[in-house]
Protein backbone atom coordinates (compact mmCIF):
# COMPACT_ATOMS: atom_id res chain seq x y z
CA UNK A 1 -13.41 -9.27 11.42
CA UNK A 2 -12.36 -6.48 9.18
CA UNK A 3 -9.03 -4.95 9.95
CA UNK A 4 -8.55 -1.24 9.98
CA UNK A 5 -5.32 0.34 9.03
CA UNK A 6 -4.19 4.06 8.13
CA UNK A 7 -2.49 5.01 4.85
CA UNK A 8 -0.99 8.32 4.35
CA UNK A 9 0.37 10.12 1.13
CA UNK A 10 4.07 10.85 1.83
CA UNK A 11 4.37 13.49 -0.74
CA UNK A 12 1.53 15.60 0.80
CA UNK A 13 3.83 17.49 3.14
CA UNK A 14 5.25 14.66 5.29
CA UNK A 15 8.24 15.43 7.07
CA UNK A 16 10.16 13.88 10.20
CA UNK A 17 7.96 15.81 12.94
CA UNK A 18 4.69 14.78 11.24
CA UNK A 19 5.85 11.22 10.67
CA UNK A 20 7.06 10.52 14.20
CA UNK A 21 3.75 11.90 15.62
CA UNK A 22 1.55 10.02 13.20
CA UNK A 23 3.71 6.63 13.71
CA UNK A 24 3.32 6.86 17.55
CA UNK A 25 -0.32 7.68 17.45
CA UNK A 26 -1.48 5.04 14.96
CA UNK A 27 0.55 2.52 17.30
CA UNK A 28 -1.04 3.82 20.52
CA UNK A 29 -4.70 4.01 19.13
CA UNK A 30 -4.72 0.39 18.15
CA UNK A 31 -5.00 0.51 14.31
CA UNK A 32 -3.57 -2.81 12.96
CA UNK A 33 -0.99 -1.00 10.45
CA UNK A 34 0.39 2.09 8.96
CA UNK A 35 1.07 2.47 5.21
CA UNK A 36 2.41 5.20 3.03
CA UNK A 37 2.89 5.94 -0.59
CA UNK A 38 6.35 6.12 -2.36
CA UNK A 39 6.39 9.42 -4.37
CA UNK A 40 8.87 12.28 -4.88
CA UNK A 41 5.98 14.87 -5.62
CA UNK A 42 2.19 15.27 -6.34
CA UNK A 43 0.80 14.98 -9.90
CA UNK A 44 0.69 18.94 -9.84
CA UNK A 45 2.64 21.68 -8.16
CA UNK A 46 3.35 23.16 -5.79
CA UNK A 47 5.99 20.59 -4.51
CA UNK A 48 5.93 20.31 -0.75
CA UNK A 49 7.79 18.00 2.00
CA UNK A 50 8.11 14.34 0.82
CA UNK A 51 9.93 12.34 3.31
CA UNK A 52 11.85 9.42 1.71
CA UNK A 53 10.08 6.28 2.07
CA UNK A 54 12.51 3.62 3.05
CA UNK A 55 14.24 5.77 5.56
CA UNK A 56 10.84 6.37 7.14
CA UNK A 57 9.97 2.84 7.41
CA UNK A 58 13.37 2.09 9.02
CA UNK A 59 12.70 4.52 11.65
CA UNK A 60 9.12 3.06 12.19
CA UNK A 61 10.56 -0.32 12.56
CA UNK A 62 12.86 0.78 15.38
CA UNK A 63 10.10 2.78 17.27
CA UNK A 64 7.15 0.74 17.24
CA UNK A 65 6.54 -2.91 18.74
CA UNK A 66 3.03 -3.74 17.15
CA UNK A 67 1.72 -2.25 14.00
CA UNK A 68 2.24 -3.82 10.46
CA UNK A 69 3.44 -1.35 7.95
CA UNK A 70 4.79 -1.11 4.41
CA UNK A 71 4.72 0.74 1.14
CA UNK A 72 1.65 1.19 -1.00
CA UNK A 73 3.49 0.82 -3.19
CA UNK A 74 7.03 0.93 -4.06
CA UNK A 75 7.76 1.14 -7.80
CA UNK A 76 10.30 -0.47 -9.83
CA UNK A 77 10.28 2.70 -12.18
CA UNK A 78 12.84 4.28 -9.87
CA UNK A 79 13.62 1.60 -7.46
CA UNK A 80 15.79 -1.11 -8.76
CA UNK A 81 14.41 -4.69 -7.56
CA UNK A 82 17.75 -5.52 -6.10
CA UNK A 83 17.79 -2.70 -3.92
CA UNK A 84 14.33 -3.17 -3.03
CA UNK A 85 14.70 -6.81 -2.07
CA UNK A 86 17.76 -5.71 0.20
CA UNK A 87 16.03 -2.89 1.89
CA UNK A 88 12.82 -4.85 2.47
CA UNK A 89 14.70 -7.84 3.97
CA UNK A 90 16.79 -5.72 6.23
CA UNK A 91 13.71 -3.54 7.50
CA UNK A 92 11.56 -6.66 7.95
CA UNK A 93 14.23 -8.18 10.04
CA UNK A 94 14.54 -4.91 12.11
CA UNK A 95 10.89 -4.84 12.75
CA UNK A 96 10.56 -8.48 13.73
CA UNK A 97 8.70 -9.40 10.73
CA UNK A 98 6.05 -6.60 10.47
CA UNK A 99 6.72 -5.41 6.89
CA UNK A 100 4.42 -5.92 3.99
CA UNK A 101 6.28 -5.24 0.65
CA UNK A 102 3.89 -3.62 -1.72
CA UNK A 103 5.37 -3.59 -5.20
CA UNK A 104 4.17 -1.74 -8.25
CA UNK A 105 5.10 -0.56 -11.93
CA UNK A 106 4.92 3.02 -11.41
CA UNK A 107 2.43 5.47 -12.97
CA UNK A 108 2.90 9.31 -12.01
CA UNK A 109 4.55 10.92 -15.08
CA UNK A 110 5.40 14.45 -13.50
CA UNK A 111 7.86 12.96 -10.98
CA UNK A 112 9.53 10.82 -13.39
CA UNK A 113 10.05 13.71 -15.76
CA UNK A 114 11.48 16.13 -12.88
CA UNK A 115 13.92 13.55 -11.66
CA UNK A 116 15.10 11.75 -14.81
CA UNK A 117 13.46 8.45 -14.52
CA UNK A 118 11.94 6.58 -17.51
CA UNK A 119 8.16 5.55 -16.87
CA UNK A 120 7.98 3.65 -20.08
CA UNK A 121 4.76 3.17 -22.23
CA UNK A 122 2.29 1.02 -20.46
CA UNK A 123 3.07 -2.27 -22.00
CA UNK A 124 6.84 -1.78 -21.53
CA UNK A 125 6.19 -0.68 -17.87
CA UNK A 126 4.34 -3.61 -17.10
CA UNK A 127 6.82 -5.94 -18.79
CA UNK A 128 9.53 -4.46 -16.44
CA UNK A 129 7.29 -4.84 -13.42
CA UNK A 130 6.93 -8.56 -14.19
CA UNK A 131 10.81 -8.74 -14.43
CA UNK A 132 11.15 -6.67 -11.26
CA UNK A 133 8.78 -9.09 -9.35
CA UNK A 134 10.67 -12.17 -10.56
CA UNK A 135 14.08 -10.57 -9.12
CA UNK A 136 12.61 -9.56 -5.97
CA UNK A 137 10.81 -12.80 -5.13
CA UNK A 138 13.86 -14.98 -6.40
CA UNK A 139 16.28 -13.13 -4.11
CA UNK A 140 14.12 -13.27 -1.11
CA UNK A 141 13.05 -16.93 -1.49
CA UNK A 142 16.00 -18.63 -2.85
CA UNK A 143 19.03 -19.75 -0.58
CA UNK A 144 20.94 -20.49 -3.76
CA UNK A 145 22.60 -17.87 -6.23
CA UNK A 146 20.00 -16.40 -8.50
CA UNK A 147 20.64 -16.00 -12.35
CA UNK A 148 18.13 -14.02 -14.38
CA UNK A 149 18.47 -12.68 -17.85
CA UNK A 150 15.73 -10.11 -18.74
CA UNK A 151 15.56 -7.15 -20.86
CA UNK A 152 15.56 -4.84 -17.99
CA UNK A 153 17.39 -6.52 -15.23
CA UNK A 154 19.99 -9.09 -15.23
CA UNK A 155 21.37 -11.25 -12.16
CA UNK A 156 24.39 -13.64 -12.58
CA UNK A 157 24.68 -15.54 -9.62
CA UNK A 158 23.54 -13.02 -7.10
CA UNK A 159 22.69 -14.02 -3.44
CA UNK A 160 20.95 -11.84 -0.78
CA UNK A 161 22.88 -12.02 2.24
CA UNK A 162 22.19 -12.11 4.98
CA UNK A 163 19.33 -14.27 4.30
CA UNK A 164 15.96 -12.98 5.53
CA UNK A 165 14.98 -14.06 9.10
CA UNK A 166 11.59 -14.65 7.87
CA UNK A 167 11.57 -17.64 5.61
CA UNK A 168 11.04 -16.23 2.08
CA UNK A 169 11.36 -12.75 3.29
CA UNK A 170 8.41 -10.14 3.93
CA UNK A 171 5.02 -10.83 2.49
CA UNK A 172 4.56 -9.51 -0.98
CA UNK A 173 1.63 -7.20 -1.82
CA UNK A 174 0.57 -6.39 -5.31
CA UNK A 175 -1.63 -3.44 -5.74
CA UNK A 176 -4.20 -2.75 -8.66
CA UNK A 177 -7.23 -4.20 -10.35
CA UNK A 178 -6.29 -4.85 -13.94
CA UNK A 179 -7.65 -8.01 -14.93
CA UNK A 180 -4.94 -8.77 -17.77
CA UNK A 181 -1.68 -8.01 -16.05
CA UNK A 182 -2.23 -7.37 -12.42
CA UNK A 183 -4.36 -9.96 -11.16
CA UNK A 184 -2.30 -12.77 -12.84
CA UNK A 185 0.68 -11.16 -11.03
CA UNK A 186 -1.03 -11.37 -7.80
CA UNK A 187 -1.67 -15.21 -8.52
CA UNK A 188 2.01 -15.83 -9.31
CA UNK A 189 3.79 -13.79 -6.87
CA UNK A 190 1.52 -12.18 -3.95
CA UNK A 191 0.46 -13.00 -0.67
CA UNK A 192 -1.79 -10.01 -0.69
CA UNK A 193 -3.96 -8.33 -3.21
CA UNK A 194 -4.66 -4.57 -2.65
CA UNK A 195 -7.07 -2.61 -4.74
CA UNK A 196 -7.68 0.93 -4.74
CA UNK A 197 -11.15 2.71 -3.81
CA UNK A 198 -13.34 0.17 -5.60
CA UNK A 199 -17.17 0.17 -5.08
CA UNK A 200 -18.33 -2.80 -3.07
CA UNK A 201 -20.07 -4.44 -6.31
CA UNK A 202 -16.87 -3.99 -8.19
CA UNK A 203 -14.68 -5.36 -5.55
CA UNK A 204 -16.93 -8.28 -5.19
CA UNK A 205 -16.51 -9.00 -8.99
CA UNK A 206 -12.79 -8.68 -8.92
CA UNK A 207 -12.60 -10.78 -5.90
CA UNK A 208 -14.61 -13.71 -7.55
CA UNK A 209 -12.31 -13.38 -10.57
CA UNK A 210 -9.10 -13.50 -8.34
CA UNK A 211 -10.49 -16.67 -6.66
CA UNK A 212 -11.12 -18.34 -10.00
CA UNK A 213 -7.48 -17.41 -11.26
CA UNK A 214 -6.03 -18.81 -8.10
CA UNK A 215 -7.86 -22.10 -8.23
CA UNK A 216 -6.95 -22.39 -11.77
CA UNK A 217 -3.36 -22.05 -10.78
CA UNK A 218 -3.66 -24.62 -8.02
CA UNK A 219 -3.35 -21.94 -5.28
CA UNK A 220 -5.84 -21.77 -2.43
CA UNK A 221 -8.03 -18.47 -2.51
CA UNK A 222 -7.36 -18.30 1.18
CA UNK A 223 -3.53 -18.12 0.55
CA UNK A 224 -3.99 -14.34 -0.66
CA UNK A 225 -5.27 -11.78 1.77
CA UNK A 226 -7.82 -9.13 0.35
CA UNK A 227 -7.22 -5.63 1.08
CA UNK A 228 -8.45 -2.11 0.00
CA UNK A 229 -6.91 1.31 0.12
CA UNK A 230 -9.65 3.90 0.11
CA UNK A 231 -10.20 7.57 0.60
CA UNK A 232 -11.53 8.66 3.83
CA UNK A 233 -13.13 11.76 4.90
CA UNK A 234 -14.43 11.62 8.66
CA UNK A 235 -15.90 14.15 10.83
CA UNK A 236 -16.46 13.29 14.56
CA UNK A 237 -19.45 15.66 14.66
CA UNK A 238 -21.39 17.52 12.03
CA UNK A 239 -19.41 20.74 12.45
CA UNK A 240 -16.01 18.90 11.68
CA UNK A 241 -17.67 16.94 8.77
CA UNK A 242 -19.13 19.98 7.15
CA UNK A 243 -15.77 21.99 7.37
CA UNK A 244 -14.20 19.09 5.57
CA UNK A 245 -16.81 18.65 2.97
CA UNK A 246 -16.45 22.63 2.31
CA UNK A 247 -12.88 22.38 1.80
CA UNK A 248 -13.21 19.45 -0.79
CA UNK A 249 -16.47 21.15 -2.36
CA UNK A 250 -18.16 17.81 -2.28
CA UNK A 251 -21.09 16.28 -0.49
CA UNK A 252 -21.29 13.00 1.40
CA UNK A 253 -23.40 11.14 -1.23
CA UNK A 254 -20.80 12.44 -3.99
CA UNK A 255 -17.80 11.25 -2.26
CA UNK A 256 -19.59 7.95 -1.26
CA UNK A 257 -20.36 7.27 -4.88
CA UNK A 258 -16.67 7.39 -5.92
CA UNK A 259 -15.84 4.85 -3.11
CA UNK A 260 -14.68 7.26 -0.57
CA UNK A 261 -15.46 6.36 2.92
CA UNK A 262 -17.10 9.50 4.34
CA UNK A 263 -19.41 10.79 6.84
CA UNK A 264 -20.04 10.55 10.60
CA UNK A 265 -19.18 7.89 12.90
CA UNK A 266 -22.43 5.91 11.97
CA UNK A 267 -21.89 6.45 8.34
CA UNK A 268 -18.26 5.22 8.27
CA UNK A 269 -19.15 2.11 10.42
CA UNK A 270 -21.94 1.17 7.76
CA UNK A 271 -19.69 1.61 4.92
CA UNK A 272 -16.99 -0.56 6.41
CA UNK A 273 -19.64 -3.12 7.34
CA UNK A 274 -20.60 -3.32 3.52
CA UNK A 275 -16.73 -3.87 2.45
CA UNK A 276 -16.38 -6.55 5.03
CA UNK A 277 -19.48 -8.21 3.71
CA UNK A 278 -18.23 -8.46 0.10
CA UNK A 279 -14.95 -9.77 1.24
CA UNK A 280 -12.41 -7.06 2.24
CA UNK A 281 -10.18 -8.34 4.93
CA UNK A 282 -8.17 -5.24 5.67
CA UNK A 283 -8.88 -1.52 4.80
CA UNK A 284 -6.22 1.17 4.61
CA UNK A 285 -7.94 4.39 5.33
CA UNK A 286 -6.40 7.25 3.46
CA UNK A 287 -5.66 10.08 6.09
CA UNK A 288 -4.99 13.19 4.15
CA UNK A 289 -4.81 15.85 6.80
CA UNK A 290 -1.38 15.05 8.39
CA UNK A 291 -1.98 17.53 11.29
CA UNK A 292 -5.48 16.48 12.26
CA UNK A 293 -4.41 14.10 15.11
CA UNK A 294 -7.49 14.65 17.10
CA UNK A 295 -9.60 13.64 14.10
CA UNK A 296 -7.40 10.42 13.93
CA UNK A 297 -8.14 9.75 17.46
CA UNK A 298 -11.89 10.27 16.91
CA UNK A 299 -11.82 7.93 13.97
CA UNK A 300 -10.01 5.20 15.98
CA UNK A 301 -12.84 5.70 18.70
CA UNK A 302 -15.50 5.47 15.97
CA UNK A 303 -14.23 2.29 14.08
CA UNK A 304 -12.13 0.14 16.15
């Protein structure tokens, strides 16, 4: 059965008041999880509230009992892997083992320029990502001191203490759909593959390729969960839907053609059914209207 979670863009005006309301509502409504981005800003101005990711997840861990959660995704371009491993282990322990650690290379040029981080060119960026994955996974999984000599990161007998309460630490998620670097990284490091807004046919093709890569590496395809983060524009009735479509200056067919889950309750149900049929096991619906809590309640009633 397809699991349905919510994803929010933390750089889209998120502050403590909004975060606390959304967290409590997602827990109460019965969604399986709540995920959020890790950004300083949006790609274009104006700059608005952007609550810091790991601080917000710490609050969530202490104030919920059921939902799974995590970053989609936290990047190595401005998060050192040693700190990421330490924070993730602590927050996972605090939550009783509900964190999924989503990791990425970084991509948004504007925030890196504004705050003085080096994004690097794509090839070097993915080389750094692979080193970061090696550092994080070794620190989380190894009970022995870790030594690693890379170009970007070096460890010389470092040990993560206290050891994670969950054996091997939190589950690792790798996001993206690149066939040359990302999917091989999923095979090597991940417990979950998360793609972004793929059309059903494209997801099916990538999913089959991932199965082949896993089998070739001696891993069972069932060892990696398949999830998708996708846009969502939902209206509980025709008036609510048309208001949102008008604000976006788009039609339902236009948004659906881009992979955005769009429409009335019946239309959204049908799109989720198709995603389940092609192999998606968990969908993270991107909820951009942070103050539209009645809409979120209506969505839960429609899809859960």
